[in-house]
Amino acid sequence: MNIEEEFTYPVDNIVLCGSDSEYRVSMRSMMKMGKNKTNTEIDNPDEADAISADEQDFDQFAAITFMKGLFGKTEKDKDLMALYVAAAGAFLTTDPTTGIVVLFAYDNFAEFHLCLKDYFEHPENKLTENEHYIFLLAKMTK
């Protein structure tokens, strides 16, 4: 089985982005991140602030696996692809996988989650009529 076949979007996750720490907790929960097994110990753990320690412990494998799974489940949807490409424009590219990364950024994550939650829970509904999709697409095309 490949990643896309095994992937299920966690529609029941609660995403909080009122602060950097809430965002990081929500992201880790969404992507089922564990401890980063490839990282070495922080040089001076007593001197590291919480954000630096968190960045050192970021599980890249879990993030990549999650985003590949999501892309595999959504790449045939022309409206989501349009959103991904629009978001990729923030990095002067049209690569839709870059767009997914942009949509998981702090400023977009909560709204993107609500968009995906609606998409997966109500596949019969048109994304172009979804308030979260409309908001994000407008934001990405400013």
Foldseek 3Di string as FASTA:
>chain_A
DDLQVPDDFPLVQAQDQPDPVSLLVSVCVRLVDDFAPVADDDPDVVPDDPVRNSVSRDHVVSVVSNLVNVCSNCVVPPLLLLLLQLQLCVVPGRPSSSSVVSCSDSVRNNLVSVLVSCCVVPVVDDSVPDPSSVVSSVVSND
